Amino acid sequence: MISAVTKYFPELSSNQRTQFEKLVTHFKSWNEKINLVSRKDMDGFLERHVLHSLAIYKAMKFAPGSRILDVGTGGGLPGLPLAILMPDVNFVLCDSTGKKIKVVSELVKALDLKNVEPMHARAGDIEGTFDFIVSRAVSRLDKFIPWVEGKIDKRAINAWPNGILCLKGGDLREELEEVNHPTEELQISQWFTEEYFETKAVVYVTL
């Protein structure tokens, strides 16, 4: 059922495999009631949503104890797949749409995730600081960065300086030129061979 994930992550524990299977089952059920992702996309949910989210892990395996903020998480992407893969990392998943965060809360319970805190809030209203901010196709970076600039922790426990990791697609040259911070575009096709990922990237912004 989750072969698209185990193909690239064969080291998953039996509990993690069960959590990914439950994520697929429960997400599909909720998506029939609340439009979390495009319904036509559900056939490719594992590849286009779960595996896509896990590209952030390929870019940066967060150090144990890291605090990660997922901004505009929607139905829990990329936060939930990353939280399954990194149980020793703490995730706050925020979204301004209450009904979506309600779904995320139910998914957290169903998957028995102890390292996830769902929050019905805008990024600017979240208190505290984080090692990394993650997001998936929420906004252009020149709009996104001001929402989170004050949220980056000054401590550094990861391999790279703290910052933002965003999942993006298409030609990003113009968007990245608008950003007044160091950026790096990491092609997902270097990790995942499916055709879907040929135009996808993880964008790393140092703040």
N, C-alpha and C. Protein backbone atom coordinates (compact mmCIF):
# COMPACT_ATOMS: atom_id res chain seq x y z
N MET A 1 0.82 -1.21 0.00
CA MET A 1 0.00 0.00 0.00
C MET A 1 0.85 1.27 0.00
N ILE A 2 1.99 1.22 0.67
CA ILE A 2 2.84 2.42 0.76
C ILE A 2 4.18 2.19 0.06
N SER A 3 4.18 1.40 -0.99
CA SER A 3 5.43 1.05 -1.68
C SER A 3 6.14 2.27 -2.24
N ALA A 4 5.39 3.33 -2.60
CA ALA A 4 6.02 4.55 -3.11
C ALA A 4 6.93 5.17 -2.07
N VAL A 5 6.60 4.96 -0.79
CA VAL A 5 7.42 5.49 0.30
C VAL A 5 8.53 4.51 0.67
N THR A 6 8.19 3.24 0.85
CA THR A 6 9.19 2.26 1.28
C THR A 6 10.28 2.05 0.22
N LYS A 7 9.97 2.36 -1.03
CA LYS A 7 10.97 2.29 -2.10
C LYS A 7 12.19 3.15 -1.76
N TYR A 8 11.94 4.32 -1.17
CA TYR A 8 13.01 5.26 -0.85
C TYR A 8 13.39 5.26 0.63
N PHE A 9 12.52 4.68 1.46
CA PHE A 9 12.77 4.65 2.90
C PHE A 9 12.57 3.22 3.43
N PRO A 10 13.42 2.29 2.99
CA PRO A 10 13.25 0.89 3.39
C PRO A 10 13.50 0.66 4.88
N GLU A 11 14.11 1.65 5.54
CA GLU A 11 14.46 1.50 6.95
C GLU A 11 13.30 1.78 7.90
N LEU A 12 12.11 2.08 7.37
CA LEU A 12 10.97 2.39 8.22
C LEU A 12 10.68 1.26 9.21
N SER A 13 10.36 1.65 10.44
CA SER A 13 9.95 0.64 11.43
C SER A 13 8.53 0.18 11.11
N SER A 14 8.12 -0.92 11.73
CA SER A 14 6.75 -1.42 11.50
C SER A 14 5.73 -0.39 11.96
N ASN A 15 6.03 0.34 13.03
CA ASN A 15 5.12 1.38 13.51
C ASN A 15 5.00 2.52 12.51
N GLN A 16 6.13 2.92 11.93
CA GLN A 16 6.09 3.99 10.92
C GLN A 16 5.33 3.55 9.68
N ARG A 17 5.50 2.32 9.27
CA ARG A 17 4.76 1.81 8.11
C ARG A 17 3.26 1.86 8.40
N THR A 18 2.88 1.45 9.60
CA THR A 18 1.47 1.50 9.99
C THR A 18 0.95 2.93 9.99
N GLN A 19 1.77 3.86 10.48
CA GLN A 19 1.35 5.26 10.52
C GLN A 19 1.15 5.82 9.11
N PHE A 20 2.04 5.49 8.19
CA PHE A 20 1.87 5.95 6.81
C PHE A 20 0.61 5.34 6.19
N GLU A 21 0.36 4.07 6.46
CA GLU A 21 -0.85 3.43 5.93
C GLU A 21 -2.11 4.10 6.49
N LYS A 22 -2.09 4.40 7.79
CA LYS A 22 -3.23 5.08 8.41
C LYS A 22 -3.39 6.49 7.85
N LEU A 23 -2.27 7.17 7.60
CA LEU A 23 -2.34 8.52 7.03
C LEU A 23 -3.08 8.50 5.70
N VAL A 24 -2.73 7.54 4.85
CA VAL A 24 -3.38 7.44 3.54
C VAL A 24 -4.88 7.16 3.70
N THR A 25 -5.22 6.19 4.53
CA THR A 25 -6.62 5.79 4.72
C THR A 25 -7.46 6.93 5.29
N HIS A 26 -6.97 7.54 6.38
CA HIS A 26 -7.74 8.58 7.06
C HIS A 26 -7.79 9.87 6.24
N PHE A 27 -6.69 10.19 5.55
CA PHE A 27 -6.67 11.40 4.73
C PHE A 27 -7.69 11.28 3.60
N LYS A 28 -7.73 10.13 2.95
CA LYS A 28 -8.69 9.92 1.86
C LYS A 28 -10.12 10.06 2.38
N SER A 29 -10.38 9.53 3.56
CA SER A 29 -11.72 9.61 4.15
C SER A 29 -12.10 11.06 4.43
N TRP A 30 -11.19 11.81 5.03
CA TRP A 30 -11.47 13.22 5.33
C TRP A 30 -11.59 14.05 4.06
N ASN A 31 -10.81 13.70 3.05
CA ASN A 31 -10.83 14.50 1.81
C ASN A 31 -12.15 14.40 1.08
N GLU A 32 -12.91 13.35 1.36
CA GLU A 32 -14.25 13.22 0.77
C GLU A 32 -15.24 14.19 1.43
N LYS A 33 -14.93 14.61 2.66
CA LYS A 33 -15.82 15.53 3.39
C LYS A 33 -15.35 16.98 3.27
N ILE A 34 -14.04 17.17 3.33
CA ILE A 34 -13.44 18.51 3.25
C ILE A 34 -12.36 18.47 2.19
N ASN A 35 -12.41 19.41 1.26
CA ASN A 35 -11.47 19.39 0.14
C ASN A 35 -10.08 19.84 0.59
N LEU A 36 -9.26 18.88 1.03
CA LEU A 36 -7.90 19.18 1.50
C LEU A 36 -6.93 19.26 0.33
N VAL A 37 -7.05 18.32 -0.59
CA VAL A 37 -6.28 18.35 -1.83
C VAL A 37 -7.24 18.03 -2.96
N SER A 38 -6.82 18.32 -4.18
CA SER A 38 -7.66 18.05 -5.34
C SER A 38 -8.10 16.59 -5.36
N ARG A 39 -9.40 16.36 -5.56
CA ARG A 39 -9.93 14.98 -5.52
C ARG A 39 -9.31 14.11 -6.61
N LYS A 40 -9.02 14.73 -7.75
CA LYS A 40 -8.42 13.96 -8.85
C LYS A 40 -6.98 13.56 -8.51
N ASP A 41 -6.40 14.23 -7.52
CA ASP A 41 -5.04 13.95 -7.10
C ASP A 41 -4.95 12.76 -6.14
N MET A 42 -6.06 12.33 -5.61
CA MET A 42 -6.03 11.31 -4.56
C MET A 42 -5.49 9.97 -5.04
N ASP A 43 -5.64 9.66 -6.32
CA ASP A 43 -5.09 8.41 -6.85
C ASP A 43 -3.57 8.39 -6.71
N GLY A 44 -2.97 9.56 -6.83
CA GLY A 44 -1.51 9.66 -6.70
C GLY A 44 -1.09 10.28 -5.38
N PHE A 45 -1.93 10.11 -4.35
CA PHE A 45 -1.69 10.79 -3.07
C PHE A 45 -0.33 10.46 -2.47
N LEU A 46 0.05 9.19 -2.49
CA LEU A 46 1.33 8.79 -1.89
C LEU A 46 2.51 9.47 -2.58
N GLU A 47 2.49 9.47 -3.90
CA GLU A 47 3.60 10.06 -4.64
C GLU A 47 3.54 11.58 -4.60
N ARG A 48 2.39 12.15 -4.94
CA ARG A 48 2.29 13.59 -5.15
C ARG A 48 2.19 14.41 -3.86
N HIS A 49 1.85 13.76 -2.78
CA HIS A 49 1.68 14.50 -1.53
C HIS A 49 2.57 13.98 -0.41
N VAL A 50 2.55 12.67 -0.16
CA VAL A 50 3.35 12.13 0.94
C VAL A 50 4.84 12.11 0.57
N LEU A 51 5.17 11.48 -0.55
CA LEU A 51 6.58 11.42 -0.96
C LEU A 51 7.12 12.81 -1.25
N HIS A 52 6.31 13.64 -1.87
CA HIS A 52 6.71 15.03 -2.14
C HIS A 52 7.09 15.73 -0.83
N SER A 53 6.29 15.55 0.21
CA SER A 53 6.58 16.15 1.51
C SER A 53 7.91 15.67 2.06
N LEU A 54 8.20 14.39 1.84
CA LEU A 54 9.41 13.79 2.39
C LEU A 54 10.69 14.23 1.68
N ALA A 55 10.56 14.96 0.58
CA ALA A 55 11.74 15.53 -0.07
C ALA A 55 12.46 16.48 0.89
N ILE A 56 11.73 17.10 1.80
CA ILE A 56 12.37 17.98 2.78
C ILE A 56 13.33 17.19 3.65
N TYR A 57 12.96 15.97 4.00
CA TYR A 57 13.85 15.09 4.78
C TYR A 57 15.12 14.79 4.00
N LYS A 58 14.98 14.58 2.69
CA LYS A 58 16.15 14.30 1.87
C LYS A 58 17.08 15.51 1.84
N ALA A 59 16.49 16.70 1.85
CA ALA A 59 17.30 17.92 1.87
C ALA A 59 17.93 18.14 3.24
N MET A 60 17.18 17.87 4.30
CA MET A 60 17.65 18.14 5.66
C MET A 60 17.01 17.17 6.65
N LYS A 61 17.79 16.22 7.13
CA LYS A 61 17.32 15.36 8.21
C LYS A 61 17.55 16.12 9.51
N PHE A 62 16.45 16.61 10.12
CA PHE A 62 16.58 17.48 11.27
C PHE A 62 17.18 16.76 12.47
N ALA A 63 17.99 17.48 13.23
CA ALA A 63 18.62 16.91 14.42
C ALA A 63 17.56 16.65 15.48
N PRO A 64 17.75 15.59 16.30
CA PRO A 64 16.81 15.33 17.39
C PRO A 64 16.65 16.58 18.27
N GLY A 65 15.40 16.84 18.65
CA GLY A 65 15.11 18.01 19.48
C GLY A 65 14.85 19.28 18.70
N SER A 66 14.99 19.24 17.37
CA SER A 66 14.69 20.42 16.55
C SER A 66 13.22 20.78 16.67
N ARG A 67 12.94 22.07 16.54
CA ARG A 67 11.55 22.56 16.50
C ARG A 67 11.26 23.08 15.10
N ILE A 68 10.21 22.53 14.49
CA ILE A 68 9.88 22.84 13.09
C ILE A 68 8.47 23.41 13.04
N LEU A 69 8.30 24.50 12.30
CA LEU A 69 6.98 25.11 12.09
C LEU A 69 6.55 24.90 10.65
N ASP A 70 5.42 24.25 10.47
CA ASP A 70 4.83 24.02 9.14
C ASP A 70 3.75 25.08 8.94
N VAL A 71 4.00 26.03 8.06
CA VAL A 71 3.09 27.16 7.84
C VAL A 71 2.14 26.86 6.69
N GLY A 72 0.84 27.05 6.94
CA GLY A 72 -0.16 26.77 5.92
C GLY A 72 -0.23 25.29 5.62
N THR A 73 -0.29 24.51 6.70
CA THR A 73 -0.19 23.04 6.58
C THR A 73 -1.37 22.41 5.85
N GLY A 74 -2.51 23.12 5.78
CA GLY A 74 -3.68 22.54 5.11
C GLY A 74 -4.14 21.27 5.82
N GLY A 75 -4.08 20.15 5.14
CA GLY A 75 -4.46 18.87 5.75
C GLY A 75 -3.30 18.16 6.44
N GLY A 76 -2.20 18.90 6.69
CA GLY A 76 -1.07 18.32 7.40
C GLY A 76 0.14 18.01 6.54
N LEU A 77 0.28 18.74 5.43
CA LEU A 77 1.39 18.51 4.52
C LEU A 77 2.25 19.77 4.40
N PRO A 78 3.55 19.65 4.56
CA PRO A 78 4.36 18.43 4.64
C PRO A 78 4.56 17.88 6.07
N GLY A 79 3.98 18.55 7.07
CA GLY A 79 4.31 18.26 8.47
C GLY A 79 4.08 16.83 8.93
N LEU A 80 2.91 16.25 8.60
CA LEU A 80 2.61 14.92 9.13
C LEU A 80 3.56 13.83 8.60
N PRO A 81 3.82 13.76 7.29
CA PRO A 81 4.78 12.75 6.82
C PRO A 81 6.16 12.93 7.45
N LEU A 82 6.59 14.19 7.61
CA LEU A 82 7.90 14.44 8.22
C LEU A 82 7.91 14.03 9.69
N ALA A 83 6.80 14.26 10.38
CA ALA A 83 6.71 13.90 11.80
C ALA A 83 6.74 12.39 11.99
N ILE A 84 6.16 11.64 11.05
CA ILE A 84 6.22 10.18 11.12
C ILE A 84 7.66 9.73 10.95
N LEU A 85 8.35 10.33 10.00
CA LEU A 85 9.72 9.91 9.68
C LEU A 85 10.72 10.32 10.77
N MET A 86 10.41 11.43 11.49
CA MET A 86 11.35 11.95 12.50
C MET A 86 10.64 12.10 13.85
N PRO A 87 10.41 11.00 14.55
CA PRO A 87 9.65 11.05 15.80
C PRO A 87 10.36 11.81 16.92
N ASP A 88 11.68 12.05 16.76
CA ASP A 88 12.43 12.76 17.79
C ASP A 88 12.56 14.26 17.48
N VAL A 89 11.77 14.74 16.52
CA VAL A 89 11.72 16.16 16.14
C VAL A 89 10.33 16.68 16.46
N ASN A 90 10.23 17.91 16.96
CA ASN A 90 8.94 18.49 17.36
C ASN A 90 8.40 19.41 16.27
N PHE A 91 7.13 19.19 15.93
CA PHE A 91 6.49 19.93 14.84
C PHE A 91 5.28 20.71 15.35
N VAL A 92 5.18 21.97 14.93
CA VAL A 92 3.96 22.75 15.09
C VAL A 92 3.39 22.95 13.70
N LEU A 93 2.13 22.52 13.50
CA LEU A 93 1.46 22.63 12.20
C LEU A 93 0.39 23.70 12.32
N CYS A 94 0.54 24.81 11.60
CA CYS A 94 -0.44 25.88 11.71
C CYS A 94 -1.14 26.15 10.39
N ASP A 95 -2.40 26.56 10.50
CA ASP A 95 -3.18 26.97 9.34
C ASP A 95 -4.26 27.92 9.83
N SER A 96 -4.62 28.90 9.00
CA SER A 96 -5.63 29.88 9.40
C SER A 96 -7.05 29.38 9.15
N THR A 97 -7.19 28.21 8.50
CA THR A 97 -8.51 27.65 8.23
C THR A 97 -8.85 26.61 9.30
N GLY A 98 -9.82 26.93 10.14
CA GLY A 98 -10.14 26.10 11.29
C GLY A 98 -10.52 24.67 10.96
N LYS A 99 -11.32 24.49 9.90
CA LYS A 99 -11.78 23.13 9.60
C LYS A 99 -10.63 22.24 9.15
N LYS A 100 -9.60 22.84 8.53
CA LYS A 100 -8.44 22.03 8.12
C LYS A 100 -7.62 21.61 9.34
N ILE A 101 -7.45 22.53 10.28
CA ILE A 101 -6.70 22.19 11.49
C ILE A 101 -7.46 21.17 12.33
N LYS A 102 -8.79 21.21 12.27
CA LYS A 102 -9.57 20.19 12.96
C LYS A 102 -9.24 18.81 12.39
N VAL A 103 -9.13 18.72 11.06
CA VAL A 103 -8.77 17.46 10.41
C VAL A 103 -7.37 17.03 10.84
N VAL A 104 -6.44 17.98 10.85
CA VAL A 104 -5.07 17.66 11.25
C VAL A 104 -5.06 17.10 12.68
N SER A 105 -5.83 17.71 13.56
CA SER A 105 -5.91 17.23 14.95
C SER A 105 -6.43 15.79 15.01
N GLU A 106 -7.42 15.49 14.18
CA GLU A 106 -7.96 14.13 14.14
C GLU A 106 -6.95 13.15 13.57
N LEU A 107 -6.19 13.59 12.57
CA LEU A 107 -5.16 12.72 11.99
C LEU A 107 -4.05 12.45 13.01
N VAL A 108 -3.67 13.46 13.77
CA VAL A 108 -2.64 13.29 14.80
C VAL A 108 -3.08 12.24 15.82
N LYS A 109 -4.36 12.30 16.20
CA LYS A 109 -4.89 11.29 17.14
C LYS A 109 -4.89 9.91 16.52
N ALA A 110 -5.37 9.81 15.28
CA ALA A 110 -5.48 8.51 14.61
C ALA A 110 -4.11 7.86 14.41
N LEU A 111 -3.10 8.68 14.18
CA LEU A 111 -1.75 8.17 13.93
C LEU A 111 -0.95 8.05 15.23
N ASP A 112 -1.52 8.54 16.33
CA ASP A 112 -0.86 8.52 17.64
C ASP A 112 0.51 9.20 17.56
N LEU A 113 0.52 10.40 16.99
CA LEU A 113 1.77 11.17 16.89
C LEU A 113 1.94 12.04 18.13
N LYS A 114 3.02 11.81 18.86
CA LYS A 114 3.27 12.54 20.10
C LYS A 114 4.10 13.80 19.88
N ASN A 115 4.61 13.99 18.66
CA ASN A 115 5.54 15.09 18.39
C ASN A 115 4.94 16.18 17.50
N VAL A 116 3.60 16.25 17.46
CA VAL A 116 2.91 17.21 16.60
C VAL A 116 1.90 18.03 17.41
N GLU A 117 1.96 19.35 17.22
CA GLU A 117 0.99 20.25 17.84
C GLU A 117 0.27 21.04 16.74
N PRO A 118 -1.00 20.74 16.46
CA PRO A 118 -1.74 21.51 15.47
C PRO A 118 -2.21 22.84 16.08
N MET A 119 -2.15 23.91 15.31
CA MET A 119 -2.57 25.22 15.81
C MET A 119 -3.40 25.96 14.76
N HIS A 120 -4.58 26.43 15.18
CA HIS A 120 -5.41 27.27 14.31
C HIS A 120 -4.94 28.71 14.46
N ALA A 121 -4.02 29.11 13.59
CA ALA A 121 -3.42 30.45 13.71
C ALA A 121 -2.68 30.79 12.43
N ARG A 122 -2.48 32.09 12.24
CA ARG A 122 -1.59 32.56 11.19
C ARG A 122 -0.16 32.47 11.70
N ALA A 123 0.79 32.37 10.78
CA ALA A 123 2.19 32.21 11.18
C ALA A 123 2.65 33.33 12.11
N GLY A 124 2.23 34.56 11.81
CA GLY A 124 2.67 35.71 12.61
C GLY A 124 2.17 35.69 14.04
N ASP A 125 1.13 34.90 14.30
CA ASP A 125 0.56 34.85 15.65
C ASP A 125 1.13 33.71 16.49
N ILE A 126 1.98 32.88 15.89
CA ILE A 126 2.58 31.77 16.62
C ILE A 126 3.69 32.31 17.52
N GLU A 127 3.67 31.93 18.78
CA GLU A 127 4.71 32.38 19.71
C GLU A 127 5.91 31.43 19.68
N GLY A 128 7.06 31.97 20.06
CA GLY A 128 8.26 31.14 20.14
C GLY A 128 9.06 31.15 18.85
N THR A 129 10.19 30.45 18.88
CA THR A 129 11.07 30.38 17.72
C THR A 129 11.31 28.93 17.32
N PHE A 130 11.82 28.76 16.11
CA PHE A 130 11.96 27.43 15.52
C PHE A 130 13.29 27.33 14.80
N ASP A 131 13.75 26.08 14.65
CA ASP A 131 14.99 25.85 13.92
C ASP A 131 14.77 26.01 12.41
N PHE A 132 13.65 25.47 11.95
CA PHE A 132 13.31 25.59 10.53
C PHE A 132 11.82 25.83 10.36
N ILE A 133 11.50 26.58 9.31
CA ILE A 133 10.12 26.75 8.85
C ILE A 133 9.98 25.94 7.57
N VAL A 134 8.91 25.14 7.47
CA VAL A 134 8.66 24.39 6.24
C VAL A 134 7.30 24.79 5.67
N SER A 135 7.16 24.64 4.37
CA SER A 135 5.85 24.91 3.75
C SER A 135 5.80 24.25 2.38
N ARG A 136 4.59 24.18 1.89
CA ARG A 136 4.37 23.52 0.60
C ARG A 136 3.42 24.38 -0.23
N ALA A 137 4.00 25.10 -1.20
CA ALA A 137 3.20 25.88 -2.17
C ALA A 137 2.19 26.79 -1.49
N VAL A 138 2.64 27.51 -0.46
CA VAL A 138 1.73 28.41 0.27
C VAL A 138 1.66 29.77 -0.39
N SER A 139 2.82 30.35 -0.71
CA SER A 139 2.86 31.71 -1.23
C SER A 139 4.21 31.94 -1.89
N ARG A 140 4.31 32.99 -2.69
CA ARG A 140 5.62 33.39 -3.22
C ARG A 140 6.50 33.78 -2.05
N LEU A 141 7.78 33.54 -2.18
CA LEU A 141 8.69 33.72 -1.06
C LEU A 141 8.78 35.17 -0.58
N ASP A 142 8.65 36.13 -1.49
CA ASP A 142 8.75 37.53 -1.05
C ASP A 142 7.60 37.92 -0.13
N LYS A 143 6.48 37.21 -0.22
CA LYS A 143 5.36 37.42 0.71
C LYS A 143 5.49 36.53 1.93
N PHE A 144 6.00 35.32 1.73
CA PHE A 144 6.09 34.33 2.80
C PHE A 144 7.11 34.72 3.86
N ILE A 145 8.28 35.18 3.43
CA ILE A 145 9.38 35.45 4.35
C ILE A 145 9.01 36.45 5.45
N PRO A 146 8.34 37.56 5.14
CA PRO A 146 7.99 38.50 6.22
C PRO A 146 7.08 37.89 7.29
N TRP A 147 6.31 36.87 6.95
CA TRP A 147 5.44 36.22 7.95
C TRP A 147 6.26 35.52 9.02
N VAL A 148 7.46 35.05 8.65
CA VAL A 148 8.20 34.14 9.55
C VAL A 148 9.59 34.65 9.95
N GLU A 149 9.97 35.84 9.51
CA GLU A 149 11.34 36.31 9.75
C GLU A 149 11.73 36.32 11.23
N GLY A 150 10.79 36.64 12.10
CA GLY A 150 11.11 36.70 13.52
C GLY A 150 10.98 35.37 14.25
N LYS A 151 10.74 34.30 13.50
CA LYS A 151 10.44 33.00 14.12
C LYS A 151 11.65 32.06 14.16
N ILE A 152 12.79 32.49 13.64
CA ILE A 152 13.95 31.61 13.54
C ILE A 152 14.80 31.70 14.81
N ASP A 153 15.07 30.54 15.41
CA ASP A 153 15.88 30.46 16.63
C ASP A 153 17.34 30.80 16.31
N LYS A 154 18.00 31.45 17.26
CA LYS A 154 19.40 31.80 17.06
C LYS A 154 20.34 30.62 17.32
N ARG A 155 19.88 29.63 18.07
CA ARG A 155 20.72 28.44 18.29
C ARG A 155 20.81 27.67 16.97
N ALA A 156 21.85 26.89 16.80
CA ALA A 156 22.00 26.11 15.57
C ALA A 156 22.42 24.69 15.94
N ILE A 157 21.53 23.73 15.75
CA ILE A 157 21.85 22.34 16.08
C ILE A 157 21.81 21.43 14.85
N ASN A 158 21.53 22.02 13.68
CA ASN A 158 21.44 21.24 12.45
C ASN A 158 22.66 21.46 11.57
N ALA A 159 22.77 20.66 10.52
CA ALA A 159 23.93 20.72 9.64
C ALA A 159 24.02 22.04 8.89
N TRP A 160 22.87 22.64 8.61
CA TRP A 160 22.82 23.92 7.91
C TRP A 160 22.34 25.00 8.86
N PRO A 161 22.67 26.27 8.58
CA PRO A 161 22.11 27.37 9.37
C PRO A 161 20.58 27.36 9.30
N ASN A 162 19.94 27.77 10.39
CA ASN A 162 18.48 27.76 10.45
C ASN A 162 17.87 28.61 9.35
N GLY A 163 16.67 28.24 8.93
CA GLY A 163 16.01 29.01 7.87
C GLY A 163 14.71 28.37 7.42
N ILE A 164 14.43 28.49 6.13
CA ILE A 164 13.18 28.03 5.54
C ILE A 164 13.48 26.93 4.52
N LEU A 165 12.62 25.90 4.49
CA LEU A 165 12.66 24.88 3.45
C LEU A 165 11.27 24.80 2.84
N CYS A 166 11.14 25.26 1.59
CA CYS A 166 9.85 25.30 0.91
C CYS A 166 9.84 24.34 -0.27
N LEU A 167 8.72 23.65 -0.43
CA LEU A 167 8.51 22.81 -1.61
C LEU A 167 7.90 23.67 -2.71
N LYS A 168 8.58 23.69 -3.87
CA LYS A 168 8.15 24.54 -4.98
C LYS A 168 8.20 23.77 -6.29
N GLY A 169 7.58 24.33 -7.32
CA GLY A 169 7.60 23.71 -8.64
C GLY A 169 7.76 24.72 -9.74
N GLY A 170 8.24 24.25 -10.89
CA GLY A 170 8.34 25.11 -12.07
C GLY A 170 9.62 25.95 -12.09
N ASP A 171 9.62 26.94 -12.97
CA ASP A 171 10.78 27.83 -13.12
C ASP A 171 10.75 28.87 -12.00
N LEU A 172 11.73 28.82 -11.13
CA LEU A 172 11.73 29.66 -9.92
C LEU A 172 12.67 30.85 -10.01
N ARG A 173 13.30 31.06 -11.17
CA ARG A 173 14.33 32.11 -11.26
C ARG A 173 13.80 33.49 -10.87
N GLU A 174 12.66 33.86 -11.41
CA GLU A 174 12.10 35.18 -11.12
C GLU A 174 11.73 35.31 -9.64
N GLU A 175 11.10 34.27 -9.08
CA GLU A 175 10.70 34.31 -7.67
C GLU A 175 11.91 34.42 -6.75
N LEU A 176 12.97 33.69 -7.04
CA LEU A 176 14.15 33.71 -6.18
C LEU A 176 14.91 35.03 -6.30
N GLU A 177 14.83 35.67 -7.45
CA GLU A 177 15.48 36.97 -7.62
C GLU A 177 14.84 38.05 -6.75
N GLU A 178 13.58 37.84 -6.35
CA GLU A 178 12.87 38.82 -5.52
C GLU A 178 13.25 38.71 -4.04
N VAL A 179 14.01 37.68 -3.68
CA VAL A 179 14.31 37.40 -2.27
C VAL A 179 15.64 38.03 -1.88
N ASN A 180 15.64 38.79 -0.79
CA ASN A 180 16.85 39.47 -0.32
C ASN A 180 17.58 38.66 0.75
N HIS A 181 17.60 37.36 0.58
CA HIS A 181 18.30 36.44 1.49
C HIS A 181 18.99 35.39 0.64
N PRO A 182 20.03 34.75 1.17
CA PRO A 182 20.67 33.66 0.41
C PRO A 182 19.68 32.51 0.17
N THR A 183 19.63 32.03 -1.06
CA THR A 183 18.73 30.93 -1.40
C THR A 183 19.49 29.83 -2.14
N GLU A 184 18.97 28.63 -2.04
CA GLU A 184 19.52 27.49 -2.78
C GLU A 184 18.37 26.63 -3.26
N GLU A 185 18.41 26.26 -4.53
CA GLU A 185 17.36 25.44 -5.13
C GLU A 185 17.87 24.01 -5.28
N LEU A 186 17.22 23.08 -4.58
CA LEU A 186 17.64 21.68 -4.58
C LEU A 186 16.63 20.85 -5.38
N GLN A 187 17.06 20.26 -6.47
CA GLN A 187 16.16 19.52 -7.34
C GLN A 187 15.76 18.18 -6.71
N ILE A 188 14.46 17.94 -6.62
CA ILE A 188 13.96 16.71 -5.99
C ILE A 188 14.28 15.49 -6.85
N SER A 189 14.46 15.69 -8.14
CA SER A 189 14.74 14.57 -9.05
C SER A 189 16.07 13.88 -8.72
N GLN A 190 16.92 14.51 -7.92
CA GLN A 190 18.17 13.86 -7.52
C GLN A 190 17.91 12.76 -6.48
N TRP A 191 16.73 12.80 -5.84
CA TRP A 191 16.39 11.82 -4.81
C TRP A 191 15.29 10.86 -5.26
N PHE A 192 14.29 11.39 -5.99
CA PHE A 192 13.14 10.59 -6.41
C PHE A 192 13.08 10.59 -7.93
N THR A 193 12.91 9.40 -8.52
CA THR A 193 13.04 9.28 -9.98
C THR A 193 11.73 9.43 -10.76
N GLU A 194 10.59 9.50 -10.04
CA GLU A 194 9.31 9.60 -10.75
C GLU A 194 9.23 10.89 -11.57
N GLU A 195 8.54 10.79 -12.71
CA GLU A 195 8.42 11.92 -13.63
C GLU A 195 7.85 13.17 -12.95
N TYR A 196 6.93 12.96 -12.01
CA TYR A 196 6.28 14.08 -11.32
C TYR A 196 7.29 15.04 -10.70
N PHE A 197 8.45 14.52 -10.29
CA PHE A 197 9.41 15.35 -9.55
C PHE A 197 10.41 16.08 -10.44
N GLU A 198 10.29 15.91 -11.76
CA GLU A 198 11.27 16.53 -12.67
C GLU A 198 11.30 18.05 -12.57
N THR A 199 10.17 18.65 -12.24
CA THR A 199 10.11 20.13 -12.15
C THR A 199 9.95 20.61 -10.72
N LYS A 200 10.18 19.73 -9.74
CA LYS A 200 9.96 20.08 -8.34
C LYS A 200 11.28 20.34 -7.62
N ALA A 201 11.24 21.22 -6.63
CA ALA A 201 12.46 21.56 -5.90
C ALA A 201 12.15 21.85 -4.45
N VAL A 202 13.18 21.69 -3.62
CA VAL A 202 13.15 22.22 -2.25
C VAL A 202 13.98 23.49 -2.28
N VAL A 203 13.37 24.59 -1.87
CA VAL A 203 14.10 25.87 -1.83
C VAL A 203 14.51 26.14 -0.38
N TYR A 204 15.81 26.34 -0.19
CA TYR A 204 16.35 26.63 1.13
C TYR A 204 16.69 28.12 1.21
N VAL A 205 16.13 28.78 2.20
CA VAL A 205 16.39 30.20 2.41
C VAL A 205 17.04 30.38 3.79
N THR A 206 18.17 31.02 3.84
CA THR A 206 18.84 31.30 5.11
C THR A 206 18.36 32.65 5.62
N LEU A 207 17.90 32.68 6.86
CA LEU A 207 17.42 33.94 7.46
C LEU A 207 18.36 34.38 8.57
